[in-house]
PDB file of N, CA and C in Angstrom:
ATOM      1  N   MET A   1     100.569  91.442 113.804  1.00  0.00           N
ATOM      2  CA  MET A   1      99.699  90.343 113.478  1.00  0.00           C
ATOM      3  C   MET A   1      99.471  90.336 111.962  1.00  0.00           C
ATOM      4  N   ILE A   2      99.456  89.152 111.382  1.00  0.00           N
ATOM      5  CA  ILE A   2      99.164  88.982 109.966  1.00  0.00           C
ATOM      6  C   ILE A   2      97.823  88.293 109.857  1.00  0.00           C
ATOM      7  N   GLU A   3      96.916  88.854 109.072  1.00  0.00           N
ATOM      8  CA  GLU A   3      95.619  88.221 108.886  1.00  0.00           C
ATOM      9  C   GLU A   3      95.457  87.809 107.435  1.00  0.00           C
ATOM     10  N   ILE A   4      95.188  86.537 107.221  1.00  0.00           N
ATOM     11  CA  ILE A   4      94.968  85.948 105.913  1.00  0.00           C
ATOM     12  C   ILE A   4      93.652  85.193 106.026  1.00  0.00           C
ATOM     13  N   PRO A   5      92.787  85.224 105.027  1.00  0.00           N
ATOM     14  CA  PRO A   5      91.508  84.517 105.150  1.00  0.00           C
ATOM     15  C   PRO A   5      91.691  83.087 105.654  1.00  0.00           C
ATOM     16  N   GLY A   6      91.119  82.783 106.787  1.00  0.00           N
ATOM     17  CA  GLY A   6      91.221  81.457 107.367  1.00  0.00           C
ATOM     18  C   GLY A   6      92.405  81.267 108.303  1.00  0.00           C
ATOM     19  N   PHE A   7      93.305  82.260 108.373  1.00  0.00           N
ATOM     20  CA  PHE A   7      94.508  82.126 109.196  1.00  0.00           C
ATOM     21  C   PHE A   7      94.812  83.448 109.884  1.00  0.00           C
ATOM     22  N   THR A   8      95.229  83.394 111.129  1.00  0.00           N
ATOM     23  CA  THR A   8      95.711  84.573 111.836  1.00  0.00           C
ATOM     24  C   THR A   8      97.024  84.200 112.490  1.00  0.00           C
ATOM     25  N   VAL A   9      98.050  84.973 112.227  1.00  0.00           N
ATOM     26  CA  VAL A   9      99.371  84.699 112.789  1.00  0.00           C
ATOM     27  C   VAL A   9      99.725  85.856 113.700  1.00  0.00           C
ATOM     28  N   THR A  10     100.054  85.552 114.944  1.00  0.00           N
ATOM     29  CA  THR A  10     100.468  86.578 115.894  1.00  0.00           C
ATOM     30  C   THR A  10     101.939  86.378 116.213  1.00  0.00           C
ATOM     31  N   GLU A  11     102.539  87.341 116.887  1.00  0.00           N
ATOM     32  CA  GLU A  11     103.943  87.208 117.264  1.00  0.00           C
ATOM     33  C   GLU A  11     104.162  86.004 118.170  1.00  0.00           C
ATOM     34  N   ALA A  12     103.150  85.642 118.929  1.00  0.00           N
ATOM     35  CA  ALA A  12     103.275  84.509 119.842  1.00  0.00           C
ATOM     36  C   ALA A  12     103.170  83.169 119.117  1.00  0.00           C
ATOM     37  N   ASP A  13     102.770  83.191 117.840  1.00  0.00           N
ATOM     38  CA  ASP A  13     102.535  81.939 117.129  1.00  0.00           C
ATOM     39  C   ASP A  13     103.142  81.978 115.713  1.00  0.00           C
ATOM     40  N   PRO A  14     104.459  82.238 115.611  1.00  0.00           N
ATOM     41  CA  PRO A  14     105.049  82.396 114.283  1.00  0.00           C
ATOM     42  C   PRO A  14     105.390  81.098 113.569  1.00  0.00           C
ATOM     43  N   ALA A  15     105.402  79.975 114.266  1.00  0.00           N
ATOM     44  CA  ALA A  15     105.889  78.737 113.657  1.00  0.00           C
ATOM     45  C   ALA A  15     104.790  77.732 113.355  1.00  0.00           C
ATOM     46  N   THR A  16     103.605  78.229 113.029  1.00  0.00           N
ATOM     47  CA  THR A  16     102.537  77.301 112.682  1.00  0.00           C
ATOM     48  C   THR A  16     102.866  76.621 111.366  1.00  0.00           C
ATOM     49  N   ALA A  17     102.214  75.504 111.100  1.00  0.00           N
ATOM     50  CA  ALA A  17     102.458  74.769 109.865  1.00  0.00           C
ATOM     51  C   ALA A  17     102.148  75.629 108.644  1.00  0.00           C
ATOM     52  N   ALA A  18     101.087  76.414 108.704  1.00  0.00           N
ATOM     53  CA  ALA A  18     100.713  77.249 107.557  1.00  0.00           C
ATOM     54  C   ALA A  18     101.780  78.291 107.264  1.00  0.00           C
ATOM     55  N   VAL A  19     102.298  78.927 108.293  1.00  0.00           N
ATOM     56  CA  VAL A  19     103.337  79.935 108.093  1.00  0.00           C
ATOM     57  C   VAL A  19     104.592  79.271 107.541  1.00  0.00           C
ATOM     58  N   SER A  20     104.943  78.129 108.075  1.00  0.00           N
ATOM     59  CA  SER A  20     106.113  77.407 107.579  1.00  0.00           C
ATOM     60  C   SER A  20     105.962  77.091 106.097  1.00  0.00           C
ATOM     61  N   LEU A  21     104.766  76.717 105.688  1.00  0.00           N
ATOM     62  CA  LEU A  21     104.528  76.413 104.280  1.00  0.00           C
ATOM     63  C   LEU A  21     104.647  77.647 103.408  1.00  0.00           C
ATOM     64  N   LEU A  22     104.141  78.768 103.872  1.00  0.00           N
ATOM     65  CA  LEU A  22     104.243  79.983 103.088  1.00  0.00           C
ATOM     66  C   LEU A  22     105.697  80.398 102.914  1.00  0.00           C
ATOM     67  N   VAL A  23     106.516  80.116 103.914  1.00  0.00           N
ATOM     68  CA  VAL A  23     107.938  80.447 103.835  1.00  0.00           C
ATOM     69  C   VAL A  23     108.638  79.590 102.778  1.00  0.00           C
ATOM     70  N   ILE A  24     108.259  78.312 102.667  1.00  0.00           N
ATOM     71  CA  ILE A  24     108.915  77.425 101.698  1.00  0.00           C
ATOM     72  C   ILE A  24     108.104  77.244 100.421  1.00  0.00           C
ATOM     73  N   ALA A  25     107.127  78.107 100.187  1.00  0.00           N
ATOM     74  CA  ALA A  25     106.204  77.929  99.059  1.00  0.00           C
ATOM     75  C   ALA A  25     106.909  77.743  97.725  1.00  0.00           C
ATOM     76  N   GLU A  26     108.051  78.394  97.526  1.00  0.00           N
ATOM     77  CA  GLU A  26     108.762  78.260  96.254  1.00  0.00           C
ATOM     78  C   GLU A  26     109.330  76.857  96.063  1.00  0.00           C
ATOM     79  N   GLU A  27     109.554  76.142  97.164  1.00  0.00           N
ATOM     80  CA  GLU A  27     110.109  74.793  97.092  1.00  0.00           C
ATOM     81  C   GLU A  27     109.044  73.717  97.254  1.00  0.00           C
ATOM     82  N   LEU A  28     107.818  74.123  97.530  1.00  0.00           N
ATOM     83  CA  LEU A  28     106.734  73.192  97.795  1.00  0.00           C
ATOM     84  C   LEU A  28     106.331  72.451  96.527  1.00  0.00           C
ATOM     85  N   GLY A  29     106.042  71.187  96.681  1.00  0.00           N
ATOM     86  CA  GLY A  29     105.584  70.392  95.552  1.00  0.00           C
ATOM     87  C   GLY A  29     104.380  69.563  95.945  1.00  0.00           C
ATOM     88  N   TYR A  30     103.638  69.105  94.949  1.00  0.00           N
ATOM     89  CA  TYR A  30     102.455  68.295  95.198  1.00  0.00           C
ATOM     90  C   TYR A  30     102.482  67.102  94.252  1.00  0.00           C
ATOM     91  N   VAL A  31     102.278  65.902  94.800  1.00  0.00           N
ATOM     92  CA  VAL A  31     102.264  64.674  94.012  1.00  0.00           C
ATOM     93  C   VAL A  31     100.823  64.187  93.959  1.00  0.00           C
ATOM     94  N   ARG A  32     100.180  64.397  92.822  1.00  0.00           N
ATOM     95  CA  ARG A  32      98.764  64.079  92.672  1.00  0.00           C
ATOM     96  C   ARG A  32      98.430  62.612  92.914  1.00  0.00           C
ATOM     97  N   PRO A  33      99.174  61.646  92.326  1.00  0.00           N
ATOM     98  CA  PRO A  33      98.775  60.240  92.501  1.00  0.00           C
ATOM     99  C   PRO A  33      98.685  59.804  93.964  1.00  0.00           C
ATOM    100  N   SER A  34      99.552  60.352  94.805  1.00  0.00           N
ATOM    101  CA  SER A  34      99.524  59.959  96.215  1.00  0.00           C
ATOM    102  C   SER A  34      98.878  61.017  97.097  1.00  0.00           C
ATOM    103  N   ASP A  35      98.384  62.123  96.493  1.00  0.00           N
ATOM    104  CA  ASP A  35      97.789  63.230  97.244  1.00  0.00           C
ATOM    105  C   ASP A  35      98.715  63.633  98.378  1.00  0.00           C
ATOM    106  N   GLU A  36      99.944  63.976  98.014  1.00  0.00           N
ATOM    107  CA  GLU A  36     100.980  64.212  99.012  1.00  0.00           C
ATOM    108  C   GLU A  36     101.772  65.478  98.685  1.00  0.00           C
ATOM    109  N   TRP A  37     102.017  66.265  99.712  1.00  0.00           N
ATOM    110  CA  TRP A  37     102.834  67.470  99.587  1.00  0.00           C
ATOM    111  C   TRP A  37     104.270  67.112  99.922  1.00  0.00           C
ATOM    112  N   VAL A  38     105.201  67.657  99.154  1.00  0.00           N
ATOM    113  CA  VAL A  38     106.621  67.353  99.352  1.00  0.00           C
ATOM    114  C   VAL A  38     107.422  68.644  99.418  1.00  0.00           C
ATOM    115  N   ASP A  39     108.615  68.539 100.019  1.00  0.00           N
ATOM    116  CA  ASP A  39     109.499  69.699 100.089  1.00  0.00           C
ATOM    117  C   ASP A  39     110.383  69.745  98.844  1.00  0.00           C
ATOM    118  N   GLY A  40     111.334  70.637  98.829  1.00  0.00           N
ATOM    119  CA  GLY A  40     112.193  70.827  97.675  1.00  0.00           C
ATOM    120  C   GLY A  40     113.051  69.631  97.317  1.00  0.00           C
ATOM    121  N   THR A  41     113.202  68.690  98.252  1.00  0.00           N
ATOM    122  CA  THR A  41     114.000  67.497  97.975  1.00  0.00           C
ATOM    123  C   THR A  41     113.136  66.313  97.572  1.00  0.00           C
ATOM    124  N   GLY A  42     111.818  66.511  97.563  1.00  0.00           N
ATOM    125  CA  GLY A  42     110.904  65.428  97.220  1.00  0.00           C
ATOM    126  C   GLY A  42     110.449  64.607  98.405  1.00  0.00           C
ATOM    127  N   GLU A  43     110.874  64.989  99.608  1.00  0.00           N
ATOM    128  CA  GLU A  43     110.467  64.281 100.824  1.00  0.00           C
ATOM    129  C   GLU A  43     109.072  64.730 101.242  1.00  0.00           C
ATOM    130  N   PRO A  44     108.207  63.789 101.634  1.00  0.00           N
ATOM    131  CA  PRO A  44     106.860  64.157 102.099  1.00  0.00           C
ATOM    132  C   PRO A  44     106.923  65.055 103.333  1.00  0.00           C
ATOM    133  N   LEU A  45     106.026  66.015 103.395  1.00  0.00           N
ATOM    134  CA  LEU A  45     105.937  66.893 104.561  1.00  0.00           C
ATOM    135  C   LEU A  45     105.204  66.181 105.696  1.00  0.00           C
ATOM    136  N   PRO A  46     105.433  66.609 106.945  1.00  0.00           N
ATOM    137  CA  PRO A  46     104.723  66.025 108.087  1.00  0.00           C
ATOM    138  C   PRO A  46     103.209  66.228 107.937  1.00  0.00           C
ATOM    139  N   ASP A  47     102.444  65.410 108.640  1.00  0.00           N
ATOM    140  CA  ASP A  47     100.983  65.437 108.539  1.00  0.00           C
ATOM    141  C   ASP A  47     100.379  66.817 108.785  1.00  0.00           C
ATOM    142  N   ASP A  48     100.874  67.546 109.802  1.00  0.00           N
ATOM    143  CA  ASP A  48     100.292  68.858 110.077  1.00  0.00           C
ATOM    144  C   ASP A  48     100.515  69.818 108.916  1.00  0.00           C
ATOM    145  N   MET A  49     101.650  69.691 108.235  1.00  0.00           N
ATOM    146  CA  MET A  49     101.917  70.540 107.085  1.00  0.00           C
ATOM    147  C   MET A  49     101.126  70.084 105.858  1.00  0.00           C
ATOM    148  N   GLN A  50     100.869  68.775 105.746  1.00  0.00           N
ATOM    149  CA  GLN A  50     100.020  68.271 104.661  1.00  0.00           C
ATOM    150  C   GLN A  50      98.638  68.920 104.761  1.00  0.00           C
ATOM    151  N   ASP A  51      98.071  68.888 105.974  1.00  0.00           N
ATOM    152  CA  ASP A  51      96.747  69.475 106.206  1.00  0.00           C
ATOM    153  C   ASP A  51      96.758  70.977 105.962  1.00  0.00           C
ATOM    154  N   ALA A  52      97.800  71.640 106.453  1.00  0.00           N
ATOM    155  CA  ALA A  52      97.892  73.094 106.288  1.00  0.00           C
ATOM    156  C   ALA A  52      97.999  73.470 104.814  1.00  0.00           C
ATOM    157  N   ALA A  53      98.725  72.698 104.036  1.00  0.00           N
ATOM    158  CA  ALA A  53      98.869  73.002 102.609  1.00  0.00           C
ATOM    159  C   ALA A  53      97.515  72.945 101.911  1.00  0.00           C
ATOM    160  N   HIS A  54      96.718  71.943 102.233  1.00  0.00           N
ATOM    161  CA  HIS A  54      95.384  71.855 101.638  1.00  0.00           C
ATOM    162  C   HIS A  54      94.528  73.060 102.038  1.00  0.00           C
ATOM    163  N   ARG A  55      94.621  73.473 103.318  1.00  0.00           N
ATOM    164  CA  ARG A  55      93.852  74.637 103.772  1.00  0.00           C
ATOM    165  C   ARG A  55      94.307  75.911 103.065  1.00  0.00           C
ATOM    166  N   LEU A  56      95.613  76.042 102.843  1.00  0.00           N
ATOM    167  CA  LEU A  56      96.129  77.229 102.159  1.00  0.00           C
ATOM    168  C   LEU A  56      95.634  77.290 100.715  1.00  0.00           C
ATOM    169  N   VAL A  57      95.579  76.148 100.049  1.00  0.00           N
ATOM    170  CA  VAL A  57      95.071  76.119  98.676  1.00  0.00           C
ATOM    171  C   VAL A  57      93.599  76.506  98.677  1.00  0.00           C
ATOM    172  N   GLU A  58      92.829  75.945  99.599  1.00  0.00           N
ATOM    173  CA  GLU A  58      91.404  76.255  99.681  1.00  0.00           C
ATOM    174  C   GLU A  58      91.164  77.732  99.967  1.00  0.00           C
ATOM    175  N   ALA A  59      92.094  78.376 100.694  1.00  0.00           N
ATOM    176  CA  ALA A  59      91.975  79.797 101.010  1.00  0.00           C
ATOM    177  C   ALA A  59      92.491  80.674  99.866  1.00  0.00           C
ATOM    178  N   GLY A  60      93.015  80.050  98.811  1.00  0.00           N
ATOM    179  CA  GLY A  60      93.506  80.806  97.664  1.00  0.00           C
ATOM    180  C   GLY A  60      94.909  81.351  97.818  1.00  0.00           C
ATOM    181  N   LEU A  61      95.660  80.852  98.801  1.00  0.00           N
ATOM    182  CA  LEU A  61      96.991  81.375  99.061  1.00  0.00           C
ATOM    183  C   LEU A  61      98.107  80.633  98.326  1.00  0.00           C
ATOM    184  N   LEU A  62      97.784  79.529  97.707  1.00  0.00           N
ATOM    185  CA  LEU A  62      98.743  78.804  96.874  1.00  0.00           C
ATOM    186  C   LEU A  62      98.074  78.529  95.534  1.00  0.00           C
ATOM    187  N   PRO A  63      97.780  79.593  94.788  1.00  0.00           N
ATOM    188  CA  PRO A  63      97.002  79.430  93.554  1.00  0.00           C
ATOM    189  C   PRO A  63      97.669  78.539  92.515  1.00  0.00           C
ATOM    190  N   GLU A  64      98.990  78.446  92.552  1.00  0.00           N
ATOM    191  CA  GLU A  64      99.693  77.609  91.583  1.00  0.00           C
ATOM    192  C   GLU A  64      99.380  76.125  91.747  1.00  0.00           C
ATOM    193  N   PHE A  65      98.783  75.740  92.894  1.00  0.00           N
ATOM    194  CA  PHE A  65      98.463  74.340  93.135  1.00  0.00           C
ATOM    195  C   PHE A  65      96.967  74.019  93.022  1.00  0.00           C
ATOM    196  N   GLU A  66      96.144  75.053  92.829  1.00  0.00           N
ATOM    197  CA  GLU A  66      94.689  74.843  92.800  1.00  0.00           C
ATOM    198  C   GLU A  66      94.281  73.804  91.760  1.00  0.00           C
ATOM    199  N   GLU A  67      94.790  73.914  90.568  1.00  0.00           N
ATOM    200  CA  GLU A  67      94.435  72.970  89.503  1.00  0.00           C
ATOM    201  C   GLU A  67      94.954  71.572  89.819  1.00  0.00           C
ATOM    202  N   ALA A  68      96.136  71.483  90.386  1.00  0.00           N
ATOM    203  CA  ALA A  68      96.748  70.182  90.662  1.00  0.00           C
ATOM    204  C   ALA A  68      95.937  69.360  91.665  1.00  0.00           C
ATOM    205  N   ILE A  69      95.440  69.988  92.718  1.00  0.00           N
ATOM    206  CA  ILE A  69      94.726  69.193  93.722  1.00  0.00           C
ATOM    207  C   ILE A  69      93.295  68.892  93.316  1.00  0.00           C
ATOM    208  N   ARG A  70      92.741  69.667  92.410  1.00  0.00           N
ATOM    209  CA  ARG A  70      91.371  69.437  91.971  1.00  0.00           C
ATOM    210  C   ARG A  70      91.295  68.485  90.798  1.00  0.00           C
ATOM    211  N   GLY A  71      92.380  68.374  90.049  1.00  0.00           N
ATOM    212  CA  GLY A  71      92.331  67.598  88.825  1.00  0.00           C
ATOM    213  C   GLY A  71      92.709  66.206  88.992  1.00  0.00           C
TER     214      GLY A  71
END
């Protein structure tokens, strides 16, 4: 089991949106004008991943995006 503030991942639940985002974090992008998260190709992420990305930033797990979503 992996425990991260606000998130718990068990072996039975490895494919949650938050875990998927952490896996692609190096390719993750954020477009401030549209408040939209995108993948490495610039395509918008599905709604569940959009929500998860915001939660991950709020939990401090994507610090490189903290300034972008607040500014």
